[in-house]
Amino acid sequence: MNPIARPRIRRLGAAALALGLVATACGSDDDAEPADDTAAPVDTDAAESTDTETETETETETGTETETEEPAAEGATLAELDPERCEANRAAGTVTYLSSFDFAAAASIIEVVVADESGYFDDMCLDVELRPSFSTANYTLIGSNQAQFGSAGGYTEVLNFSGEGAEFLITADFGKSSINGLVVPEGGAASLADLEGATIGVKGDIPPSLVAMLADAGLTRGEDYDEVLLDGFDPQAHLATGIDALPVYKSNEPGQLDRAGVGYTLFDPTAEGVSGTFGLLYTSPGFAAEHPTAVEDFMRAALKGMEDAIADPVAAVEKSIVRIDAAGNSAFLTMEGELFRWESELAEILASTPEGQHVGEIDPELFAAEYESYVAAGVWPDGAPDDTSPYDASIVAGLYGDDGKVIWPN
């Protein structure tokens, strides 16, 4: 474990939040509706009058004066429960978050959008600015503290951009499987082995999980299949070029092909037993060391947003579409397409989260397995980056209560 890359987060504030939750729960009716975040002003004279009338009625009925217990304050905020922590979070200044693909309804994006739209960052005394970006463009900005949080494509991607002085700290991993797949046209290869000598179209590069899947089938990159660069993002147009296979996101292109009525076969790394990850959130070790409570409470709000996105996928996607449209929608994303994306990724998230773990919790053994299997598969023919374990698995694990829900002031 790298002590520089994984600073310990102060837990005092979280304990105060938990105490606030207990105090509120003990002083409230289980059947009461959720309280507003801001308590209403109290008319002191009216309150005193009501108290007097209540005590008089009690004396008349029983002959004994009864003391009434004052209920706990409703709608407690972080500023009320832990003013010191609130000020520490405000001292972090503007916390800039960079998405990995516009404001698409994808893991490590959608929960941040929902959290911001729902005011959860404000509740944590955090000033958060969301910016649309691309995952590979984020590392330089976060490494130089021009942004503080980003969405990453996977554990391997973070390792690829680490080194030579660049350090990052993964704070959450939502997808514990590969989100990539390999599509072949209808009537094409019936097995992965049939792709020997094939031409694979690529948009930049072949995802490492697909390289590993092909290697497991006996096909070595650079020897057993050719690669050709493709333009644009239309899978129909790509398949029409005559390529034998197309790398895709399981949560994107298959939905487009289905809606267009185009037949295809999908080879899934997860079904083939290949390790993978997707939907990671990360920051820099420097920011985490300087503002530990801000890092913890950013994640708290994001996890709260994820709870909402799981409970009501349609509402979460609608929030994403609002942000997408506000940013210009340069990728021409649609409600139908984004709902397919989120429902697909949510299914992957829930299926890949091990029993006994919480959604978003980091599994160090999974990260290690991904790295080791990719090394063995030859994903890095020029030499693998060092696996520096750039993560803190304790952050998300410490934000859930015994009931399995995110610890939150209410």
Protein backbone atom coordinates (compact mmCIF):
# COMPACT_ATOMS: atom_id res chain seq x y z
CA MET A 1 0.00 0.00 0.00
CA ASN A 2 1.42 3.34 -1.07
CA PRO A 3 1.09 5.78 1.88
CA ILE A 4 1.64 8.77 -0.38
CA ALA A 5 -1.03 7.74 -2.84
CA ARG A 6 -3.55 6.73 -0.21
CA PRO A 7 -3.84 9.26 2.63
CA ARG A 8 -6.01 8.35 5.54
CA ILE A 9 -9.28 10.25 5.75
CA ARG A 10 -10.28 11.82 9.07
CA ARG A 11 -13.36 9.99 10.37
CA LEU A 12 -14.44 12.41 13.10
CA GLY A 13 -16.85 14.25 10.83
CA ALA A 14 -18.44 11.01 9.64
CA ALA A 15 -18.98 10.02 13.25
CA ALA A 16 -20.70 13.34 13.88
CA LEU A 17 -22.95 12.69 10.90
CA ALA A 18 -23.84 9.28 12.26
CA LEU A 19 -24.64 10.75 15.67
CA GLY A 20 -26.81 13.35 14.01
CA LEU A 21 -28.69 10.61 12.21
CA VAL A 22 -29.27 8.73 15.46
CA ALA A 23 -30.42 11.86 17.29
CA THR A 24 -32.84 12.73 14.53
CA ALA A 25 -34.20 9.19 14.31
CA CYS A 26 -34.77 8.96 18.07
CA GLY A 27 -36.75 12.22 18.12
CA SER A 28 -39.01 11.51 15.14
CA ASP A 29 -42.06 9.43 14.27
CA ASP A 30 -41.28 6.49 11.99
CA ASP A 31 -44.38 7.30 9.94
CA ALA A 32 -43.56 10.99 9.53
CA GLU A 33 -42.83 12.32 6.05
CA PRO A 34 -39.23 13.35 5.27
CA ALA A 35 -38.43 16.74 6.71
CA ASP A 36 -37.37 19.71 4.62
CA ASP A 37 -33.66 20.53 4.66
CA THR A 38 -34.34 23.89 6.32
CA ALA A 39 -36.28 24.09 9.58
CA ALA A 40 -39.17 26.58 9.57
CA PRO A 41 -38.91 29.66 11.85
CA VAL A 42 -40.68 29.29 15.19
CA ASP A 43 -43.15 31.78 16.68
CA THR A 44 -41.90 31.91 20.28
CA ASP A 45 -45.09 33.36 21.79
CA ALA A 46 -47.29 30.82 20.03
CA ALA A 47 -45.04 28.00 21.15
CA GLU A 48 -45.17 29.13 24.79
CA SER A 49 -48.94 29.43 24.62
CA THR A 50 -49.30 25.94 23.19
CA ASP A 51 -47.00 24.47 25.85
CA THR A 52 -49.04 26.12 28.62
CA GLU A 53 -52.33 24.82 27.24
CA THR A 54 -50.92 21.29 26.94
CA GLU A 55 -49.63 21.28 30.51
CA THR A 56 -52.99 22.58 31.83
CA GLU A 57 -54.92 19.86 30.00
CA THR A 58 -52.58 17.22 31.41
CA GLU A 59 -53.06 18.47 34.99
CA THR A 60 -56.84 18.42 34.59
CA GLU A 61 -56.92 14.86 33.29
CA THR A 62 -54.38 13.24 35.61
CA GLY A 63 -53.76 15.69 38.39
CA THR A 64 -50.04 15.49 37.65
CA GLU A 65 -47.89 17.88 35.62
CA THR A 66 -45.99 16.01 32.89
CA GLU A 67 -42.78 17.25 31.34
CA THR A 68 -42.86 17.06 27.54
CA GLU A 69 -39.71 15.90 25.76
CA GLU A 70 -38.47 18.42 23.20
CA PRO A 71 -38.16 16.71 19.79
CA ALA A 72 -34.89 16.66 17.89
CA ALA A 73 -34.46 19.28 15.20
CA GLU A 74 -35.71 18.18 11.81
CA GLY A 75 -33.82 18.78 8.57
CA ALA A 76 -30.41 18.89 10.24
CA THR A 77 -27.66 19.93 7.83
CA LEU A 78 -23.93 19.30 7.84
CA ALA A 79 -23.43 22.92 8.87
CA GLU A 80 -25.56 22.25 11.96
CA LEU A 81 -24.25 18.77 12.77
CA ASP A 82 -20.55 19.48 12.19
CA PRO A 83 -19.75 23.18 11.55
CA GLU A 84 -16.02 22.48 11.61
CA ARG A 85 -16.33 19.87 8.89
CA CYS A 86 -18.55 22.17 6.85
CA GLU A 87 -15.94 24.94 7.00
CA ALA A 88 -13.21 22.47 6.05
CA ASN A 89 -15.21 21.47 2.97
CA ARG A 90 -15.80 25.09 2.01
CA ALA A 91 -12.07 25.73 2.34
CA ALA A 92 -11.51 23.34 -0.57
CA GLY A 93 -12.92 26.02 -2.87
CA THR A 94 -14.51 25.07 -6.17
CA VAL A 95 -14.23 21.33 -6.73
CA THR A 96 -14.19 20.68 -10.48
CA TYR A 97 -15.42 17.32 -11.75
CA LEU A 98 -14.63 16.09 -15.29
CA SER A 99 -16.85 13.51 -16.95
CA SER A 100 -15.53 10.83 -19.32
CA PHE A 101 -18.06 11.24 -22.16
CA ASP A 102 -20.27 14.33 -22.15
CA PHE A 103 -22.88 13.90 -19.39
CA ALA A 104 -23.86 10.45 -20.64
CA ALA A 105 -25.95 8.27 -18.35
CA ALA A 106 -22.97 6.11 -17.46
CA ALA A 107 -21.42 4.97 -14.21
CA SER A 108 -19.03 7.54 -12.70
CA ILE A 109 -21.05 10.26 -14.48
CA ILE A 110 -24.74 9.74 -13.80
CA GLU A 111 -24.41 9.59 -10.01
CA VAL A 112 -22.46 12.87 -9.97
CA VAL A 113 -25.08 14.54 -12.17
CA VAL A 114 -27.91 13.28 -9.94
CA ALA A 115 -26.05 14.40 -6.82
CA ASP A 116 -25.57 17.89 -8.23
CA GLU A 117 -29.13 18.20 -9.54
CA SER A 118 -30.46 17.02 -6.17
CA GLY A 119 -28.39 19.49 -4.14
CA TYR A 120 -26.38 16.81 -2.35
CA PHE A 121 -23.06 18.60 -2.83
CA ASP A 122 -24.59 21.77 -1.42
CA ASP A 123 -25.78 19.75 1.57
CA MET A 124 -22.15 18.75 2.16
CA CYS A 125 -20.97 22.39 2.01
CA LEU A 126 -19.20 21.68 -1.28
CA ASP A 127 -19.03 24.02 -4.26
CA VAL A 128 -18.88 21.55 -7.17
CA GLU A 129 -18.61 22.43 -10.85
CA LEU A 130 -19.37 19.75 -13.44
CA ARG A 131 -17.64 19.87 -16.84
CA PRO A 132 -18.15 17.51 -19.80
CA SER A 133 -14.89 15.90 -20.90
CA PHE A 134 -13.27 12.66 -22.11
CA SER A 135 -11.58 10.18 -19.80
CA THR A 136 -8.17 10.32 -21.48
CA ALA A 137 -8.16 14.12 -21.36
CA ASN A 138 -8.78 14.25 -17.62
CA TYR A 139 -5.51 12.95 -16.20
CA THR A 140 -3.32 15.94 -16.99
CA LEU A 141 -5.90 18.34 -15.55
CA ILE A 142 -6.39 16.37 -12.34
CA GLY A 143 -2.68 15.69 -11.95
CA SER A 144 -2.02 19.44 -12.13
CA ASN A 145 -4.96 20.25 -9.78
CA GLN A 146 -6.80 22.18 -12.50
CA ALA A 147 -9.63 19.76 -11.72
CA GLN A 148 -10.14 17.68 -8.60
CA PHE A 149 -12.30 14.67 -9.57
CA GLY A 150 -12.65 12.71 -12.76
CA SER A 151 -14.35 9.75 -14.37
CA ALA A 152 -12.03 6.94 -15.50
CA GLY A 153 -12.67 4.16 -17.98
CA GLY A 154 -11.13 1.44 -15.84
CA TYR A 155 -8.29 0.44 -13.53
CA THR A 156 -5.92 -0.28 -16.41
CA GLU A 157 -6.54 3.18 -17.86
CA VAL A 158 -5.50 4.80 -14.57
CA LEU A 159 -2.31 2.72 -14.51
CA ASN A 160 -1.54 3.69 -18.11
CA PHE A 161 -1.60 7.38 -17.21
CA SER A 162 0.32 6.99 -13.95
CA GLY A 163 4.08 7.14 -13.63
CA GLU A 164 6.76 9.70 -14.41
CA GLY A 165 5.54 11.80 -11.50
CA ALA A 166 1.82 11.50 -12.27
CA GLU A 167 -0.15 10.11 -9.33
CA PHE A 168 -3.85 9.46 -8.97
CA LEU A 169 -6.09 8.12 -6.22
CA ILE A 170 -9.08 5.95 -7.15
CA THR A 171 -11.94 6.52 -4.73
CA ALA A 172 -14.69 4.30 -6.20
CA ASP A 173 -15.20 1.46 -8.67
CA PHE A 174 -18.80 0.93 -9.73
CA GLY A 175 -18.33 -1.62 -12.52
CA LYS A 176 -16.46 -4.78 -11.56
CA SER A 177 -16.60 -6.34 -15.02
CA SER A 178 -15.64 -5.26 -18.53
CA ILE A 179 -18.13 -2.92 -20.18
CA ASN A 180 -16.63 -3.68 -23.60
CA GLY A 181 -17.67 -6.29 -26.14
CA LEU A 182 -16.73 -7.41 -29.63
CA VAL A 183 -19.45 -7.35 -32.30
CA VAL A 184 -19.26 -9.38 -35.51
CA PRO A 185 -21.75 -8.99 -38.37
CA GLU A 186 -24.58 -11.46 -38.74
CA GLY A 187 -23.24 -14.56 -40.47
CA GLY A 188 -19.67 -13.75 -39.45
CA ALA A 189 -17.33 -15.53 -37.05
CA ALA A 190 -19.08 -18.15 -34.95
CA SER A 191 -16.29 -18.29 -32.37
CA LEU A 192 -13.39 -16.14 -31.28
CA ALA A 193 -10.97 -18.61 -32.85
CA ASP A 194 -12.66 -17.92 -36.20
CA LEU A 195 -11.29 -14.37 -36.06
CA GLU A 196 -7.77 -15.55 -36.90
CA GLY A 197 -6.67 -13.47 -39.88
CA ALA A 198 -9.64 -11.13 -39.45
CA THR A 199 -9.73 -7.35 -39.69
CA ILE A 200 -10.91 -5.55 -36.56
CA GLY A 201 -12.03 -1.95 -36.84
CA VAL A 202 -10.89 0.27 -34.00
CA LYS A 203 -11.74 3.76 -32.77
CA GLY A 204 -8.36 4.75 -31.38
CA ASP A 205 -7.38 1.45 -29.77
CA ILE A 206 -8.68 -1.98 -28.84
CA PRO A 207 -9.86 -2.08 -25.21
CA PRO A 208 -7.51 -4.19 -23.08
CA SER A 209 -10.25 -6.60 -22.02
CA LEU A 210 -10.81 -7.48 -25.69
CA VAL A 211 -7.07 -7.98 -26.26
CA ALA A 212 -7.09 -10.33 -23.27
CA MET A 213 -10.21 -12.16 -24.51
CA LEU A 214 -8.67 -12.72 -27.94
CA ALA A 215 -5.40 -13.83 -26.35
CA ASP A 216 -7.28 -16.39 -24.26
CA ALA A 217 -8.68 -17.71 -27.56
CA GLY A 218 -5.14 -18.10 -28.90
CA LEU A 219 -5.04 -14.90 -30.96
CA THR A 220 -2.06 -12.62 -30.38
CA ARG A 221 -2.32 -8.93 -31.14
CA GLY A 222 -0.06 -7.86 -33.98
CA GLU A 223 0.18 -11.41 -35.32
CA ASP A 224 -3.19 -13.13 -35.67
CA TYR A 225 -5.49 -10.28 -36.68
CA ASP A 226 -5.23 -6.90 -38.39
CA GLU A 227 -6.51 -3.56 -37.14
CA VAL A 228 -7.89 -0.66 -39.17
CA LEU A 229 -8.80 2.78 -37.84
CA LEU A 230 -12.41 3.90 -38.22
CA ASP A 231 -13.95 7.36 -38.40
CA GLY A 232 -17.03 8.45 -36.50
CA PHE A 233 -19.20 6.59 -34.00
CA ASP A 234 -21.93 4.95 -36.13
CA PRO A 235 -21.77 1.14 -35.68
CA GLN A 236 -23.97 0.56 -38.74
CA ALA A 237 -21.57 2.53 -40.92
CA HIS A 238 -18.60 0.75 -39.36
CA LEU A 239 -19.96 -2.73 -40.04
CA ALA A 240 -20.86 -1.66 -43.59
CA THR A 241 -17.15 -1.09 -44.34
CA GLY A 242 -16.63 -4.84 -44.44
CA ILE A 243 -14.66 -5.27 -41.22
CA ASP A 244 -14.90 -8.63 -39.48
CA ALA A 245 -15.32 -7.33 -35.93
CA LEU A 246 -16.00 -4.09 -34.07
CA PRO A 247 -15.10 -3.26 -30.44
CA VAL A 248 -18.11 -1.71 -28.68
CA TYR A 249 -19.44 -0.62 -25.33
CA LYS A 250 -22.06 -3.18 -24.32
CA SER A 251 -24.14 -0.28 -23.02
CA ASN A 252 -24.10 1.68 -26.28
CA GLU A 253 -23.62 0.25 -29.79
CA PRO A 254 -25.68 -2.95 -29.31
CA GLY A 255 -28.65 -0.75 -28.44
CA GLN A 256 -28.15 1.29 -31.60
CA LEU A 257 -27.95 -1.86 -33.72
CA ASP A 258 -31.02 -3.35 -32.04
CA ARG A 259 -33.08 -0.21 -32.68
CA ALA A 260 -31.97 -0.23 -36.32
CA GLY A 261 -32.83 -3.91 -36.74
CA VAL A 262 -29.25 -4.88 -37.61
CA GLY A 263 -28.25 -8.45 -36.78
CA TYR A 264 -24.96 -9.22 -35.05
CA THR A 265 -23.16 -11.53 -32.63
CA LEU A 266 -21.64 -10.16 -29.44
CA PHE A 267 -18.60 -11.71 -27.76
CA ASP A 268 -18.54 -10.64 -24.10
CA PRO A 269 -15.27 -10.69 -22.09
CA THR A 270 -17.24 -11.17 -18.88
CA ALA A 271 -18.90 -14.29 -20.25
CA GLU A 272 -15.45 -15.52 -21.29
CA GLY A 273 -14.08 -15.09 -17.77
CA VAL A 274 -11.94 -12.02 -18.52
CA SER A 275 -11.44 -9.49 -15.71
CA GLY A 276 -12.31 -5.85 -16.15
CA THR A 277 -13.55 -2.68 -14.49
CA PHE A 278 -15.45 0.43 -15.53
CA GLY A 279 -16.99 3.53 -14.02
CA LEU A 280 -14.23 4.67 -11.65
CA LEU A 281 -14.02 7.98 -9.78
CA TYR A 282 -10.63 9.34 -8.84
CA THR A 283 -8.81 12.38 -7.53
CA SER A 284 -5.18 13.30 -6.87
CA PRO A 285 -3.26 12.25 -3.74
CA GLY A 286 -2.35 15.90 -3.16
CA PHE A 287 -5.94 17.10 -3.10
CA ALA A 288 -6.99 14.18 -0.89
CA ALA A 289 -4.21 14.94 1.59
CA GLU A 290 -5.01 18.65 1.73
CA HIS A 291 -8.81 18.31 1.81
CA PRO A 292 -9.68 14.87 3.22
CA THR A 293 -13.22 15.72 4.35
CA ALA A 294 -14.04 17.29 0.99
CA VAL A 295 -12.95 14.09 -0.75
CA GLU A 296 -14.97 11.94 1.62
CA ASP A 297 -18.11 14.08 1.36
CA PHE A 298 -17.86 14.42 -2.43
CA MET A 299 -17.98 10.64 -2.51
CA ARG A 300 -20.80 10.59 0.05
CA ALA A 301 -22.91 12.84 -2.19
CA ALA A 302 -22.01 10.84 -5.31
CA LEU A 303 -23.00 7.58 -3.62
CA LYS A 304 -26.27 9.19 -2.54
CA GLY A 305 -26.80 10.11 -6.19
CA MET A 306 -26.07 6.50 -7.16
CA GLU A 307 -28.70 5.28 -4.70
CA ASP A 308 -31.22 7.53 -6.45
CA ALA A 309 -30.10 6.40 -9.91
CA ILE A 310 -30.57 2.76 -8.89
CA ALA A 311 -33.98 3.41 -7.32
CA ASP A 312 -35.35 5.42 -10.27
CA PRO A 313 -33.32 4.93 -13.48
CA VAL A 314 -35.70 6.95 -15.65
CA ALA A 315 -35.58 10.02 -13.40
CA ALA A 316 -31.79 9.79 -13.26
CA VAL A 317 -31.49 9.62 -17.04
CA GLU A 318 -33.84 12.59 -17.37
CA LYS A 319 -31.44 14.58 -15.18
CA SER A 320 -28.58 13.49 -17.45
CA ILE A 321 -30.46 14.64 -20.55
CA VAL A 322 -30.99 18.08 -18.98
CA ARG A 323 -27.22 18.41 -18.53
CA ILE A 324 -26.47 16.96 -21.97
CA ASP A 325 -28.76 19.46 -23.67
CA ALA A 326 -27.41 22.35 -21.59
CA ALA A 327 -23.89 21.45 -22.73
CA GLY A 328 -24.91 21.48 -26.41
CA ASN A 329 -25.36 17.72 -26.97
CA SER A 330 -22.48 17.55 -29.44
CA ALA A 331 -22.70 13.73 -29.47
CA PHE A 332 -26.44 13.78 -30.39
CA LEU A 333 -27.41 11.66 -27.39
CA THR A 334 -31.07 10.73 -26.91
CA MET A 335 -33.31 9.76 -24.02
CA GLU A 336 -33.86 6.33 -25.56
CA GLY A 337 -30.17 5.71 -26.06
CA GLU A 338 -29.18 6.97 -22.62
CA LEU A 339 -31.85 4.90 -20.90
CA PHE A 340 -30.46 1.83 -22.66
CA ARG A 341 -26.98 2.86 -21.56
CA TRP A 342 -27.87 3.28 -17.90
CA GLU A 343 -30.08 0.20 -17.66
CA SER A 344 -27.30 -1.86 -19.27
CA GLU A 345 -24.59 -0.49 -17.00
CA LEU A 346 -26.77 -0.77 -13.93
CA ALA A 347 -27.34 -4.45 -14.69
CA GLU A 348 -23.56 -4.93 -15.01
CA ILE A 349 -22.94 -3.06 -11.75
CA LEU A 350 -25.45 -5.06 -9.74
CA ALA A 351 -24.36 -8.38 -11.24
CA SER A 352 -20.64 -7.73 -10.71
CA THR A 353 -20.77 -6.36 -7.15
CA PRO A 354 -19.76 -9.26 -4.87
CA GLU A 355 -22.09 -10.31 -2.09
CA GLY A 356 -21.21 -8.45 1.08
CA GLN A 357 -19.79 -5.43 -0.79
CA HIS A 358 -21.50 -2.11 -1.38
CA VAL A 359 -21.99 -0.53 -4.79
CA GLY A 360 -18.91 1.52 -5.63
CA GLU A 361 -16.70 -0.19 -3.07
CA ILE A 362 -13.16 -0.96 -4.25
CA ASP A 363 -12.08 -4.62 -4.41
CA PRO A 364 -8.24 -4.70 -4.30
CA GLU A 365 -8.17 -8.36 -5.34
CA LEU A 366 -10.14 -7.55 -8.49
CA PHE A 367 -7.74 -4.76 -9.43
CA ALA A 368 -4.78 -7.10 -8.93
CA ALA A 369 -6.45 -9.84 -10.99
CA GLU A 370 -7.13 -7.41 -13.84
CA TYR A 371 -3.53 -6.26 -13.93
CA GLU A 372 -2.01 -9.73 -13.70
CA SER A 373 -4.29 -11.22 -16.36
CA TYR A 374 -3.61 -8.35 -18.76
CA VAL A 375 0.14 -8.72 -18.29
CA ALA A 376 -0.16 -12.42 -19.08
CA ALA A 377 -2.32 -11.65 -22.14
CA GLY A 378 0.27 -9.27 -23.60
CA VAL A 379 -1.85 -6.14 -23.32
CA TRP A 380 1.40 -4.16 -22.90
CA PRO A 381 3.83 -5.55 -25.51
CA ASP A 382 6.32 -2.77 -24.77
CA GLY A 383 6.22 -3.37 -21.02
CA ALA A 384 3.49 -3.06 -18.44
CA PRO A 385 3.24 -0.04 -16.13
CA ASP A 386 3.90 -0.67 -12.46
CA ASP A 387 0.85 -1.60 -10.43
CA THR A 388 1.27 1.02 -7.72
CA SER A 389 -2.14 0.28 -6.14
CA PRO A 390 -3.36 3.88 -6.64
CA TYR A 391 -6.53 3.65 -4.59
CA ASP A 392 -8.02 4.01 -1.13
CA ALA A 393 -10.53 1.23 -0.55
CA SER A 394 -11.50 2.58 2.87
CA ILE A 395 -13.30 5.71 1.66
CA VAL A 396 -16.44 4.21 0.11
CA ALA A 397 -16.46 1.32 2.59
CA GLY A 398 -16.68 3.84 5.44
CA LEU A 399 -19.58 5.80 3.96
CA TYR A 400 -22.19 3.06 4.28
CA GLY A 401 -24.10 2.33 7.48
CA ASP A 402 -25.02 -1.05 8.91
CA ASP A 403 -28.31 -0.84 7.02
CA GLY A 404 -26.44 -0.82 3.71
CA LYS A 405 -27.38 2.78 2.94
CA VAL A 406 -25.16 5.84 2.61
CA ILE A 407 -24.71 7.65 5.93
CA TRP A 408 -26.49 10.96 5.44
CA PRO A 409 -27.78 13.83 7.62
CA ASN A 410 -31.56 14.22 7.32
